[in-house]
Structures are given as C-alpha cells and as structure tokens.
Amino acid sequence: FFRGMVAILFFFFAIPGTIYGIFIGKIKKLADIPAMMVKSVKGVSGLIVLMLMIGQFVALFQWSNLDRIVAIGGANLLNQMRLQGWPLLVVTSMTVMGLNVFLGSSAAKWAMLAPIVVPMFMLLDPPISPAVSQLAYRIGDSTTNGISPLYPYFPLALGWIREYRKDAGIGTLIRLLLPYAVFAGIAWMVLLVIWYLLGIPVGPGEAIR
C-alpha cells in the first residue's frame, strides 16, 4: 500500500483537479493538462534536484558500509565515555544547531545524519529510539534557521526588513534574530531534559527512554 502511495495521491489530486479545471474553463484541451503540471513542478524543481543528490549520497554511503562502520564505532565510543541519555540528546541538538548555520536544508542535514545517528543511538546501552533521535535533531534544526544565511527564507526576511531599514544587511538581521535563537534553544533544551527525566512519551506508544 505504501509503495503505491505516490500513485494514489497523484490520482487523488489529478482527477478532481482536472474535472474542476474543465468546469471553470481553465482546461480547454488535453494539452493544457501537461502544461499546467509542468508549471506546478517548476516551483519545486530545486527540491527535486536536491533530493536527487541526497539520494545518490545516501545510496553510495550505504553501499560503502561507511554508515555501519561509523555507527558501530561511534556507539562503542559513546558507551565507553558513558555519554548517554539526556546529556547525549542535548549534545546532539547543540551539534545540529552549529551545523545548521552552514547547511540550510533540513532534509539534506537529516539525510546526511540519519544513516549514522539512528543506528548508532540504537546500539547504545540503553538504546535511544529513532523517534527520540529525530526529536533531538529537530530541536537543534528549528532554533538556528533564522540566523543562517544559507536558509532559503533568509533573503526573503532580509528583503522585508529593508522595507523599514534601508541600510540593513546580513549582520543586522542576524543580530536581531540571535536573541530569539538563543532563547528558543535554551527553552527547548530545558523542556527536553524535563521530558526525559519525567519519562513522558513523545508520541503514541513511543517512550522517550
């Protein structure tokens, strides 16, 4: 069922959309449908290229078995260092915060980190589930987006601020957003630690420890 989900979603939207387009007069001939599809794909063309590169990277990474080597070696090192539980999750989030400044795409970062972080955390004693690993990643990824010049919406925010301050530059925007990033990071970290110590589930049937 899940392998056919792409086709199911395609027809779920394509058939009603085509019928609606015919009724309102936007689609007058059969050739109008492919033209509209091409126009809609242009908006996500950059994402398609990015996913292609990410897919090649992940496939080569797994083919070389480097993901397993790094995951097993990293898990052994963390077990020896006794770096586990909520301190490890906090360190992971802080690492992603720093990486986020240099790599703006959330999907690209997760595609690079997931093949290593998820199995490595599952090999710990006690293990950390993939859901909690992604939780730590998302905390780090969500806090420093605004101060990353590589973030896709950073130029958009810079354009908005220049409507009110003509001399505003990259440094101005980062200086204004940095306090929010710091506060959000600290708040998320505190919430993560409290959540972990209380043992509150992160979702249905998914324990945080």
N, C-alpha and C. Protein backbone atom coordinates (compact mmCIF):
# COMPACT_ATOMS: atom_id res chain seq x y z
N PHE A 1 0.84 -1.21 0.00
CA PHE A 1 0.00 0.00 0.00
C PHE A 1 0.87 1.25 0.00
N PHE A 2 1.91 1.26 0.86
CA PHE A 2 2.75 2.46 0.96
C PHE A 2 3.60 2.64 -0.30
N ARG A 3 3.98 1.55 -0.94
CA ARG A 3 4.75 1.68 -2.19
C ARG A 3 3.89 2.31 -3.30
N GLY A 4 2.59 2.08 -3.23
CA GLY A 4 1.71 2.68 -4.23
C GLY A 4 1.13 4.01 -3.81
N MET A 5 1.61 4.56 -2.67
CA MET A 5 1.04 5.80 -2.15
C MET A 5 1.23 6.97 -3.10
N VAL A 6 2.38 7.02 -3.79
CA VAL A 6 2.64 8.13 -4.72
C VAL A 6 1.59 8.16 -5.82
N ALA A 7 1.32 6.99 -6.42
CA ALA A 7 0.32 6.93 -7.48
C ALA A 7 -1.07 7.24 -6.96
N ILE A 8 -1.38 6.75 -5.75
CA ILE A 8 -2.69 7.01 -5.16
C ILE A 8 -2.91 8.50 -4.94
N LEU A 9 -1.89 9.17 -4.36
CA LEU A 9 -2.01 10.61 -4.12
C LEU A 9 -2.08 11.39 -5.43
N PHE A 10 -1.32 10.92 -6.44
CA PHE A 10 -1.34 11.60 -7.74
C PHE A 10 -2.75 11.62 -8.32
N PHE A 11 -3.38 10.46 -8.39
CA PHE A 11 -4.72 10.39 -8.96
C PHE A 11 -5.76 11.05 -8.05
N PHE A 12 -5.51 11.01 -6.74
CA PHE A 12 -6.43 11.63 -5.79
C PHE A 12 -6.56 13.12 -6.04
N PHE A 13 -5.44 13.76 -6.43
CA PHE A 13 -5.47 15.20 -6.70
C PHE A 13 -5.66 15.51 -8.19
N ALA A 14 -5.12 14.65 -9.06
CA ALA A 14 -5.15 14.94 -10.50
C ALA A 14 -6.56 14.85 -11.07
N ILE A 15 -7.31 13.83 -10.68
CA ILE A 15 -8.65 13.64 -11.25
C ILE A 15 -9.61 14.76 -10.83
N PRO A 16 -9.77 15.03 -9.52
CA PRO A 16 -10.65 16.16 -9.16
C PRO A 16 -10.16 17.50 -9.71
N GLY A 17 -8.81 17.68 -9.75
CA GLY A 17 -8.27 18.94 -10.28
C GLY A 17 -8.59 19.10 -11.75
N THR A 18 -8.49 18.02 -12.50
CA THR A 18 -8.80 18.09 -13.94
C THR A 18 -10.28 18.39 -14.16
N ILE A 19 -11.14 17.72 -13.40
CA ILE A 19 -12.58 17.96 -13.54
C ILE A 19 -12.92 19.41 -13.19
N TYR A 20 -12.31 19.91 -12.12
CA TYR A 20 -12.55 21.30 -11.71
C TYR A 20 -12.07 22.28 -12.78
N GLY A 21 -10.88 22.00 -13.35
CA GLY A 21 -10.34 22.87 -14.39
C GLY A 21 -11.21 22.92 -15.62
N ILE A 22 -11.81 21.77 -15.98
CA ILE A 22 -12.70 21.73 -17.14
C ILE A 22 -13.97 22.54 -16.88
N PHE A 23 -14.51 22.42 -15.67
CA PHE A 23 -15.76 23.11 -15.34
C PHE A 23 -15.59 24.62 -15.27
N ILE A 24 -14.44 25.10 -14.80
CA ILE A 24 -14.26 26.55 -14.71
C ILE A 24 -13.66 27.13 -15.98
N GLY A 25 -13.34 26.27 -16.94
CA GLY A 25 -12.86 26.75 -18.23
C GLY A 25 -11.37 26.94 -18.35
N LYS A 26 -10.60 26.55 -17.35
CA LYS A 26 -9.14 26.68 -17.42
C LYS A 26 -8.54 25.62 -18.34
N ILE A 27 -9.15 24.46 -18.40
CA ILE A 27 -8.68 23.37 -19.26
C ILE A 27 -9.64 23.27 -20.44
N LYS A 28 -9.15 23.66 -21.61
CA LYS A 28 -9.99 23.65 -22.81
C LYS A 28 -9.62 22.50 -23.74
N LYS A 29 -8.38 22.03 -23.65
CA LYS A 29 -7.95 20.91 -24.47
C LYS A 29 -7.00 20.04 -23.67
N LEU A 30 -6.73 18.85 -24.17
CA LEU A 30 -5.92 17.87 -23.44
C LEU A 30 -4.51 18.38 -23.19
N ALA A 31 -3.98 19.19 -24.10
CA ALA A 31 -2.60 19.69 -23.97
C ALA A 31 -2.46 20.67 -22.80
N ASP A 32 -3.57 21.22 -22.33
CA ASP A 32 -3.48 22.16 -21.20
C ASP A 32 -3.07 21.46 -19.91
N ILE A 33 -3.40 20.19 -19.77
CA ILE A 33 -3.11 19.47 -18.52
C ILE A 33 -1.60 19.30 -18.32
N PRO A 34 -0.83 18.76 -19.32
CA PRO A 34 0.62 18.67 -19.11
C PRO A 34 1.28 20.03 -18.90
N ALA A 35 0.77 21.06 -19.59
CA ALA A 35 1.36 22.39 -19.42
C ALA A 35 1.18 22.89 -18.00
N MET A 36 0.02 22.65 -17.40
CA MET A 36 -0.21 23.05 -16.01
C MET A 36 0.66 22.24 -15.05
N MET A 37 0.85 20.97 -15.36
CA MET A 37 1.69 20.13 -14.50
C MET A 37 3.13 20.60 -14.52
N VAL A 38 3.62 20.97 -15.70
CA VAL A 38 4.99 21.49 -15.82
C VAL A 38 5.14 22.78 -15.03
N LYS A 39 4.14 23.65 -15.11
CA LYS A 39 4.19 24.92 -14.40
C LYS A 39 4.23 24.71 -12.89
N SER A 40 3.48 23.74 -12.39
CA SER A 40 3.46 23.49 -10.95
C SER A 40 4.76 22.86 -10.47
N VAL A 41 5.39 22.03 -11.31
CA VAL A 41 6.64 21.37 -10.92
C VAL A 41 7.80 22.36 -10.87
N LYS A 42 7.72 23.45 -11.63
CA LYS A 42 8.80 24.44 -11.63
C LYS A 42 9.06 25.00 -10.23
N GLY A 43 7.99 25.12 -9.44
CA GLY A 43 8.15 25.68 -8.10
C GLY A 43 8.94 24.79 -7.16
N VAL A 44 8.96 23.48 -7.42
CA VAL A 44 9.69 22.55 -6.54
C VAL A 44 10.87 21.91 -7.27
N SER A 45 11.27 22.50 -8.39
CA SER A 45 12.38 21.92 -9.16
C SER A 45 13.67 21.88 -8.36
N GLY A 46 13.91 22.93 -7.57
CA GLY A 46 15.12 22.94 -6.74
C GLY A 46 15.12 21.82 -5.73
N LEU A 47 13.96 21.53 -5.13
CA LEU A 47 13.85 20.44 -4.17
C LEU A 47 14.07 19.09 -4.84
N ILE A 48 13.58 18.94 -6.08
CA ILE A 48 13.77 17.68 -6.81
C ILE A 48 15.25 17.42 -7.07
N VAL A 49 15.97 18.46 -7.48
CA VAL A 49 17.41 18.32 -7.71
C VAL A 49 18.13 17.98 -6.40
N LEU A 50 17.73 18.65 -5.31
CA LEU A 50 18.34 18.38 -4.02
C LEU A 50 18.09 16.94 -3.58
N MET A 51 16.86 16.45 -3.75
CA MET A 51 16.54 15.07 -3.37
C MET A 51 17.32 14.07 -4.21
N LEU A 52 17.55 14.40 -5.49
CA LEU A 52 18.36 13.52 -6.35
C LEU A 52 19.77 13.39 -5.81
N MET A 53 20.38 14.51 -5.45
CA MET A 53 21.74 14.48 -4.91
C MET A 53 21.79 13.78 -3.55
N ILE A 54 20.79 14.02 -2.71
CA ILE A 54 20.74 13.36 -1.42
C ILE A 54 20.59 11.86 -1.58
N GLY A 55 19.72 11.44 -2.52
CA GLY A 55 19.52 10.02 -2.77
C GLY A 55 20.80 9.33 -3.22
N GLN A 56 21.56 10.00 -4.10
CA GLN A 56 22.83 9.43 -4.55
C GLN A 56 23.83 9.34 -3.40
N PHE A 57 23.86 10.38 -2.57
CA PHE A 57 24.79 10.38 -1.43
C PHE A 57 24.47 9.25 -0.46
N VAL A 58 23.20 9.11 -0.10
CA VAL A 58 22.80 8.07 0.85
C VAL A 58 23.06 6.68 0.29
N ALA A 59 22.76 6.49 -1.01
CA ALA A 59 22.98 5.18 -1.63
C ALA A 59 24.46 4.81 -1.64
N LEU A 60 25.32 5.75 -2.01
CA LEU A 60 26.76 5.47 -2.02
C LEU A 60 27.30 5.27 -0.61
N PHE A 61 26.75 6.03 0.33
CA PHE A 61 27.18 5.91 1.72
C PHE A 61 26.86 4.53 2.26
N GLN A 62 25.64 4.05 1.97
CA GLN A 62 25.25 2.72 2.44
C GLN A 62 25.98 1.62 1.67
N TRP A 63 26.21 1.83 0.37
CA TRP A 63 26.93 0.84 -0.44
C TRP A 63 28.36 0.63 0.06
N SER A 64 28.98 1.70 0.54
CA SER A 64 30.35 1.61 1.05
C SER A 64 30.42 1.04 2.46
N ASN A 65 29.24 0.89 3.12
CA ASN A 65 29.17 0.41 4.51
C ASN A 65 29.80 1.38 5.51
N LEU A 66 30.09 2.60 5.08
CA LEU A 66 30.66 3.58 6.00
C LEU A 66 29.68 3.95 7.10
N ASP A 67 28.38 3.93 6.76
CA ASP A 67 27.38 4.27 7.78
C ASP A 67 27.42 3.27 8.93
N ARG A 68 27.57 1.98 8.61
CA ARG A 68 27.63 0.96 9.66
C ARG A 68 28.93 1.07 10.46
N ILE A 69 30.02 1.31 9.75
CA ILE A 69 31.31 1.41 10.44
C ILE A 69 31.30 2.57 11.41
N VAL A 70 30.84 3.74 10.94
CA VAL A 70 30.82 4.93 11.80
C VAL A 70 29.81 4.75 12.94
N ALA A 71 28.65 4.13 12.64
CA ALA A 71 27.62 3.94 13.67
C ALA A 71 28.12 3.01 14.77
N ILE A 72 28.74 1.89 14.40
CA ILE A 72 29.22 0.94 15.41
C ILE A 72 30.38 1.53 16.20
N GLY A 73 31.32 2.17 15.49
CA GLY A 73 32.44 2.81 16.18
C GLY A 73 31.99 3.92 17.09
N GLY A 74 31.03 4.73 16.62
CA GLY A 74 30.52 5.82 17.45
C GLY A 74 29.78 5.31 18.67
N ALA A 75 28.99 4.24 18.50
CA ALA A 75 28.27 3.68 19.64
C ALA A 75 29.22 3.13 20.69
N ASN A 76 30.27 2.44 20.26
CA ASN A 76 31.27 1.91 21.20
C ASN A 76 31.95 3.05 21.96
N LEU A 77 32.28 4.14 21.22
CA LEU A 77 32.94 5.28 21.86
C LEU A 77 32.02 5.95 22.88
N LEU A 78 30.76 6.12 22.53
CA LEU A 78 29.80 6.76 23.45
C LEU A 78 29.57 5.89 24.69
N ASN A 79 29.52 4.58 24.49
CA ASN A 79 29.35 3.69 25.65
C ASN A 79 30.56 3.76 26.58
N GLN A 80 31.76 3.86 25.99
CA GLN A 80 32.96 3.96 26.80
C GLN A 80 33.01 5.30 27.56
N MET A 81 32.55 6.35 26.91
CA MET A 81 32.54 7.67 27.53
C MET A 81 31.37 7.85 28.50
N ARG A 82 30.45 6.89 28.51
CA ARG A 82 29.24 7.00 29.34
C ARG A 82 28.41 8.22 28.97
N LEU A 83 28.50 8.63 27.70
CA LEU A 83 27.71 9.76 27.22
C LEU A 83 26.40 9.20 26.67
N GLN A 84 25.38 9.17 27.50
CA GLN A 84 24.11 8.56 27.15
C GLN A 84 22.97 9.39 27.71
N GLY A 85 21.76 8.96 27.41
CA GLY A 85 20.59 9.60 27.99
C GLY A 85 20.43 11.05 27.54
N TRP A 86 19.87 11.88 28.43
CA TRP A 86 19.57 13.26 28.06
C TRP A 86 20.83 14.09 27.77
N PRO A 87 22.01 13.86 28.42
CA PRO A 87 23.18 14.64 28.01
C PRO A 87 23.55 14.42 26.54
N LEU A 88 23.42 13.18 26.07
CA LEU A 88 23.72 12.90 24.66
C LEU A 88 22.73 13.60 23.74
N LEU A 89 21.45 13.62 24.13
CA LEU A 89 20.45 14.30 23.30
C LEU A 89 20.71 15.79 23.24
N VAL A 90 21.13 16.38 24.36
CA VAL A 90 21.45 17.81 24.38
C VAL A 90 22.66 18.10 23.50
N VAL A 91 23.69 17.27 23.60
CA VAL A 91 24.89 17.45 22.76
C VAL A 91 24.53 17.31 21.28
N THR A 92 23.66 16.35 20.96
CA THR A 92 23.23 16.17 19.57
C THR A 92 22.51 17.40 19.05
N SER A 93 21.60 17.94 19.85
CA SER A 93 20.86 19.14 19.43
C SER A 93 21.81 20.32 19.23
N MET A 94 22.78 20.48 20.12
CA MET A 94 23.73 21.59 20.00
C MET A 94 24.62 21.42 18.77
N THR A 95 24.98 20.18 18.45
CA THR A 95 25.77 19.93 17.24
C THR A 95 24.99 20.30 15.99
N VAL A 96 23.71 19.92 15.97
CA VAL A 96 22.87 20.27 14.82
C VAL A 96 22.68 21.77 14.72
N MET A 97 22.59 22.46 15.87
CA MET A 97 22.49 23.93 15.85
C MET A 97 23.67 24.56 15.13
N GLY A 98 24.88 24.07 15.44
CA GLY A 98 26.06 24.60 14.78
C GLY A 98 26.11 24.24 13.32
N LEU A 99 25.74 22.99 12.98
CA LEU A 99 25.74 22.56 11.59
C LEU A 99 24.71 23.30 10.77
N ASN A 100 23.63 23.70 11.43
CA ASN A 100 22.54 24.37 10.75
C ASN A 100 22.95 25.72 10.16
N VAL A 101 23.94 26.35 10.75
CA VAL A 101 24.40 27.65 10.26
C VAL A 101 25.10 27.50 8.90
N PHE A 102 25.70 26.35 8.67
CA PHE A 102 26.48 26.14 7.45
C PHE A 102 25.74 25.33 6.39
N LEU A 103 24.65 24.66 6.78
CA LEU A 103 23.87 23.86 5.84
C LEU A 103 22.40 24.14 6.10
N GLY A 104 21.78 24.89 5.21
CA GLY A 104 20.44 25.39 5.47
C GLY A 104 19.32 24.39 5.30
N SER A 105 19.49 23.40 4.43
CA SER A 105 18.40 22.49 4.13
C SER A 105 18.21 21.46 5.24
N SER A 106 17.01 21.41 5.81
CA SER A 106 16.72 20.43 6.86
C SER A 106 16.76 19.01 6.32
N ALA A 107 16.20 18.82 5.12
CA ALA A 107 16.18 17.48 4.53
C ALA A 107 17.59 16.98 4.24
N ALA A 108 18.46 17.87 3.76
CA ALA A 108 19.84 17.46 3.44
C ALA A 108 20.59 17.07 4.71
N LYS A 109 20.42 17.84 5.77
CA LYS A 109 21.11 17.52 7.03
C LYS A 109 20.64 16.19 7.58
N TRP A 110 19.33 15.97 7.59
CA TRP A 110 18.81 14.72 8.14
C TRP A 110 19.23 13.53 7.28
N ALA A 111 19.26 13.72 5.96
CA ALA A 111 19.70 12.64 5.08
C ALA A 111 21.16 12.28 5.32
N MET A 112 21.97 13.26 5.68
CA MET A 112 23.38 13.00 5.98
C MET A 112 23.57 12.37 7.34
N LEU A 113 22.78 12.81 8.34
CA LEU A 113 23.00 12.38 9.71
C LEU A 113 22.24 11.10 10.06
N ALA A 114 21.05 10.91 9.50
CA ALA A 114 20.20 9.78 9.89
C ALA A 114 20.87 8.42 9.72
N PRO A 115 21.56 8.14 8.58
CA PRO A 115 22.16 6.81 8.44
C PRO A 115 23.22 6.50 9.50
N ILE A 116 23.73 7.53 10.16
CA ILE A 116 24.74 7.32 11.21
C ILE A 116 24.10 7.42 12.59
N VAL A 117 23.35 8.51 12.83
CA VAL A 117 22.84 8.79 14.17
C VAL A 117 21.82 7.75 14.62
N VAL A 118 20.87 7.39 13.75
CA VAL A 118 19.80 6.47 14.16
C VAL A 118 20.35 5.10 14.57
N PRO A 119 21.15 4.41 13.72
CA PRO A 119 21.67 3.11 14.17
C PRO A 119 22.66 3.23 15.32
N MET A 120 23.43 4.32 15.36
CA MET A 120 24.40 4.49 16.44
C MET A 120 23.69 4.62 17.78
N PHE A 121 22.61 5.40 17.83
CA PHE A 121 21.86 5.57 19.08
C PHE A 121 21.14 4.28 19.47
N MET A 122 20.74 3.48 18.50
CA MET A 122 20.06 2.22 18.81
C MET A 122 21.03 1.17 19.34
N LEU A 123 22.34 1.35 19.09
CA LEU A 123 23.36 0.41 19.58
C LEU A 123 23.86 0.78 20.97
N LEU A 124 23.36 1.87 21.52
CA LEU A 124 23.79 2.28 22.86
C LEU A 124 23.16 1.38 23.92
N ASP A 125 23.67 1.50 25.13
CA ASP A 125 23.14 0.74 26.25
C ASP A 125 22.82 1.71 27.40
N PRO A 126 21.56 2.10 27.61
CA PRO A 126 20.35 1.67 26.91
C PRO A 126 20.19 2.36 25.55
N PRO A 127 19.46 1.73 24.63
CA PRO A 127 19.31 2.31 23.29
C PRO A 127 18.37 3.51 23.27
N ILE A 128 18.55 4.35 22.25
CA ILE A 128 17.68 5.50 22.02
C ILE A 128 16.93 5.25 20.72
N SER A 129 15.62 5.37 20.75
CA SER A 129 14.79 5.03 19.59
C SER A 129 14.97 6.05 18.47
N PRO A 130 14.67 5.66 17.22
CA PRO A 130 14.76 6.60 16.10
C PRO A 130 13.90 7.84 16.28
N ALA A 131 12.72 7.68 16.92
CA ALA A 131 11.83 8.82 17.12
C ALA A 131 12.48 9.86 18.02
N VAL A 132 13.15 9.41 19.08
CA VAL A 132 13.80 10.33 20.00
C VAL A 132 15.04 10.94 19.35
N SER A 133 15.73 10.16 18.51
CA SER A 133 16.87 10.71 17.77
C SER A 133 16.44 11.85 16.86
N GLN A 134 15.32 11.65 16.19
CA GLN A 134 14.81 12.71 15.32
C GLN A 134 14.31 13.89 16.13
N LEU A 135 13.79 13.64 17.32
CA LEU A 135 13.36 14.72 18.20
C LEU A 135 14.53 15.62 18.55
N ALA A 136 15.66 15.02 18.94
CA ALA A 136 16.85 15.81 19.26
C ALA A 136 17.34 16.58 18.04
N TYR A 137 17.26 15.95 16.87
CA TYR A 137 17.66 16.63 15.63
C TYR A 137 16.77 17.83 15.35
N ARG A 138 15.47 17.66 15.48
CA ARG A 138 14.53 18.73 15.14
C ARG A 138 14.67 19.91 16.09
N ILE A 139 15.00 19.63 17.36
CA ILE A 139 15.21 20.74 18.31
C ILE A 139 16.37 21.60 17.84
N GLY A 140 17.48 20.96 17.48
CA GLY A 140 18.63 21.73 17.01
C GLY A 140 18.37 22.40 15.68
N ASP A 141 17.64 21.74 14.80
CA ASP A 141 17.41 22.28 13.46
C ASP A 141 16.45 23.46 13.48
N SER A 142 15.54 23.49 14.44
CA SER A 142 14.49 24.51 14.42
C SER A 142 14.91 25.84 15.07
N THR A 143 16.05 25.85 15.76
CA THR A 143 16.39 27.05 16.53
C THR A 143 17.27 28.04 15.79
N THR A 144 18.20 27.55 14.97
CA THR A 144 19.17 28.45 14.34
C THR A 144 18.90 28.68 12.85
N ASN A 145 17.73 28.30 12.39
CA ASN A 145 17.40 28.55 10.97
C ASN A 145 17.44 30.04 10.65
N GLY A 146 16.87 30.84 11.55
CA GLY A 146 16.74 32.27 11.27
C GLY A 146 18.05 33.01 11.16
N ILE A 147 19.12 32.49 11.77
CA ILE A 147 20.41 33.20 11.73
C ILE A 147 21.37 32.56 10.73
N SER A 148 20.87 31.65 9.92
CA SER A 148 21.71 31.01 8.91
C SER A 148 21.54 31.71 7.56
N PRO A 149 22.59 32.32 7.01
CA PRO A 149 22.48 32.98 5.70
C PRO A 149 22.15 32.01 4.57
N LEU A 150 22.36 30.69 4.80
CA LEU A 150 22.07 29.69 3.78
C LEU A 150 20.64 29.19 3.84
N TYR A 151 19.88 29.64 4.83
CA TYR A 151 18.49 29.22 4.94
C TYR A 151 17.70 29.84 3.79
N PRO A 152 16.85 29.05 3.11
CA PRO A 152 16.16 29.55 1.90
C PRO A 152 15.35 30.83 2.13
N TYR A 153 14.78 31.01 3.34
CA TYR A 153 13.93 32.17 3.59
C TYR A 153 14.71 33.35 4.18
N PHE A 154 16.01 33.18 4.36
CA PHE A 154 16.82 34.27 4.91
C PHE A 154 16.81 35.49 3.97
N PRO A 155 17.02 35.33 2.65
CA PRO A 155 16.94 36.50 1.76
C PRO A 155 15.57 37.16 1.77
N LEU A 156 14.52 36.34 1.93
CA LEU A 156 13.17 36.90 1.99
C LEU A 156 13.00 37.78 3.21
N ALA A 157 13.49 37.29 4.37
CA ALA A 157 13.41 38.09 5.60
C ALA A 157 14.25 39.36 5.48
N LEU A 158 15.39 39.25 4.81
CA LEU A 158 16.24 40.42 4.61
C LEU A 158 15.55 41.47 3.74
N GLY A 159 14.82 40.99 2.74
CA GLY A 159 14.06 41.92 1.90
C GLY A 159 12.96 42.63 2.67
N TRP A 160 12.32 41.91 3.58
CA TRP A 160 11.26 42.54 4.39
C TRP A 160 11.82 43.60 5.32
N ILE A 161 12.95 43.29 5.95
CA ILE A 161 13.50 44.24 6.92
C ILE A 161 14.02 45.49 6.21
N ARG A 162 14.43 45.35 4.97
CA ARG A 162 14.93 46.52 4.22
C ARG A 162 13.81 47.47 3.83
N GLU A 163 12.57 47.01 3.91
CA GLU A 163 11.46 47.92 3.65
C GLU A 163 11.35 48.96 4.77
N TYR A 164 11.88 48.65 5.95
CA TYR A 164 11.80 49.55 7.10
C TYR A 164 13.16 50.14 7.46
N ARG A 165 14.23 49.41 7.13
CA ARG A 165 15.59 49.91 7.37
C ARG A 165 16.40 49.70 6.10
N LYS A 166 16.59 50.77 5.34
CA LYS A 166 17.24 50.67 4.05
C LYS A 166 18.70 50.24 4.16
N ASP A 167 19.35 50.52 5.28
CA ASP A 167 20.76 50.19 5.44
C ASP A 167 20.97 48.81 6.07
N ALA A 168 19.90 48.05 6.26
CA ALA A 168 20.01 46.74 6.91
C ALA A 168 20.74 45.76 6.01
N GLY A 169 21.59 44.95 6.62
CA GLY A 169 22.32 43.92 5.89
C GLY A 169 22.20 42.58 6.60
N ILE A 170 23.04 41.63 6.20
CA ILE A 170 23.01 40.30 6.79
C ILE A 170 23.30 40.36 8.29
N GLY A 171 24.31 41.17 8.66
CA GLY A 171 24.66 41.29 10.07
C GLY A 171 23.52 41.86 10.91
N THR A 172 22.78 42.81 10.35
CA THR A 172 21.65 43.40 11.07
C THR A 172 20.59 42.36 11.37
N LEU A 173 20.26 41.56 10.36
CA LEU A 173 19.23 40.54 10.55
C LEU A 173 19.67 39.48 11.56
N ILE A 174 20.92 39.04 11.46
CA ILE A 174 21.42 38.04 12.41
C ILE A 174 21.42 38.59 13.83
N ARG A 175 21.83 39.87 13.99
CA ARG A 175 21.87 40.49 15.31
C ARG A 175 20.47 40.58 15.92
N LEU A 176 19.48 40.85 15.11
CA LEU A 176 18.11 40.96 15.61
C LEU A 176 17.51 39.60 15.96
N LEU A 177 17.88 38.57 15.21
CA LEU A 177 17.28 37.25 15.42
C LEU A 177 18.07 36.37 16.38
N LEU A 178 19.32 36.73 16.67
CA LEU A 178 20.15 35.90 17.54
C LEU A 178 19.55 35.70 18.94
N PRO A 179 19.02 36.75 19.59
CA PRO A 179 18.40 36.52 20.91
C PRO A 179 17.26 35.51 20.87
N TYR A 180 16.46 35.53 19.80
CA TYR A 180 15.36 34.57 19.68
C TYR A 180 15.90 33.15 19.54
N ALA A 181 16.97 32.99 18.76
CA ALA A 181 17.56 31.66 18.57
C ALA A 181 18.12 31.13 19.88
N VAL A 182 18.80 32.00 20.64
CA VAL A 182 19.38 31.58 21.93
C VAL A 182 18.27 31.20 22.90
N PHE A 183 17.25 32.05 23.01
CA PHE A 183 16.16 31.77 23.95
C PHE A 183 15.43 30.49 23.55
N ALA A 184 15.13 30.33 22.27
CA ALA A 184 14.41 29.13 21.83
C ALA A 184 15.25 27.89 22.07
N GLY A 185 16.57 27.97 21.83
CA GLY A 185 17.43 26.83 22.06
C GLY A 185 17.46 26.42 23.52
N ILE A 186 17.61 27.39 24.41
CA ILE A 186 17.64 27.09 25.84
C ILE A 186 16.29 26.53 26.30
N ALA A 187 15.20 27.12 25.84
CA ALA A 187 13.87 26.66 26.24
C ALA A 187 13.62 25.23 25.78
N TRP A 188 14.00 24.91 24.55
CA TRP A 188 13.81 23.55 24.03
C TRP A 188 14.67 22.55 24.80
N MET A 189 15.91 22.94 25.14
CA MET A 189 16.80 22.05 25.88
C MET A 189 16.22 21.74 27.26
N VAL A 190 15.76 22.77 27.95
CA VAL A 190 15.17 22.57 29.28
C VAL A 190 13.95 21.67 29.19
N LEU A 191 13.11 21.92 28.19
CA LEU A 191 11.91 21.10 28.01
C LEU A 191 12.27 19.66 27.69
N LEU A 192 13.32 19.45 26.88
CA LEU A 192 13.77 18.10 26.54
C LEU A 192 14.24 17.35 27.78
N VAL A 193 15.04 18.02 28.62
CA VAL A 193 15.55 17.38 29.84
C VAL A 193 14.41 17.03 30.79
N ILE A 194 13.47 17.96 30.98
CA ILE A 194 12.32 17.70 31.86
C ILE A 194 11.50 16.52 31.33
N TRP A 195 11.26 16.53 30.02
CA TRP A 195 10.50 15.46 29.36
C TRP A 195 11.18 14.12 29.59
N TYR A 196 12.52 14.11 29.45
CA TYR A 196 13.28 12.86 29.59
C TYR A 196 13.25 12.37 31.04
N LEU A 197 13.47 13.27 32.00
CA LEU A 197 13.53 12.86 33.40
C LEU A 197 12.17 12.38 33.91
N LEU A 198 11.10 12.98 33.40
CA LEU A 198 9.76 12.55 33.81
C LEU A 198 9.31 11.31 33.06
N GLY A 199 10.00 10.97 31.97
CA GLY A 199 9.65 9.78 31.21
C GLY A 199 8.35 9.90 30.44
N ILE A 200 8.01 11.12 30.01
CA ILE A 200 6.78 11.34 29.27
C ILE A 200 6.96 10.82 27.84
N PRO A 201 6.03 10.04 27.30
CA PRO A 201 6.15 9.56 25.92
C PRO A 201 6.18 10.71 24.92
N VAL A 202 6.92 10.53 23.83
CA VAL A 202 6.99 11.55 22.79
C VAL A 202 5.89 11.38 21.77
N GLY A 203 5.14 10.29 21.86
CA GLY A 203 4.04 10.04 20.95
C GLY A 203 3.34 8.76 21.35
N PRO A 204 2.30 8.36 20.62
CA PRO A 204 1.56 7.14 20.95
C PRO A 204 2.48 5.91 20.89
N GLY A 205 2.66 5.26 22.03
CA GLY A 205 3.45 4.04 22.07
C GLY A 205 4.93 4.24 21.89
N GLU A 206 5.42 5.47 22.04
CA GLU A 206 6.84 5.76 21.83
C GLU A 206 7.40 6.43 23.09
N ALA A 207 8.12 5.67 23.89
CA ALA A 207 8.69 6.19 25.13
C ALA A 207 9.95 6.99 24.83
N ILE A 208 10.22 8.02 25.64
CA ILE A 208 11.40 8.83 25.42
C ILE A 208 12.65 8.13 25.95
N ARG A 209 12.50 7.16 26.86
CA ARG A 209 13.62 6.36 27.35
C ARG A 209 13.15 4.96 27.74
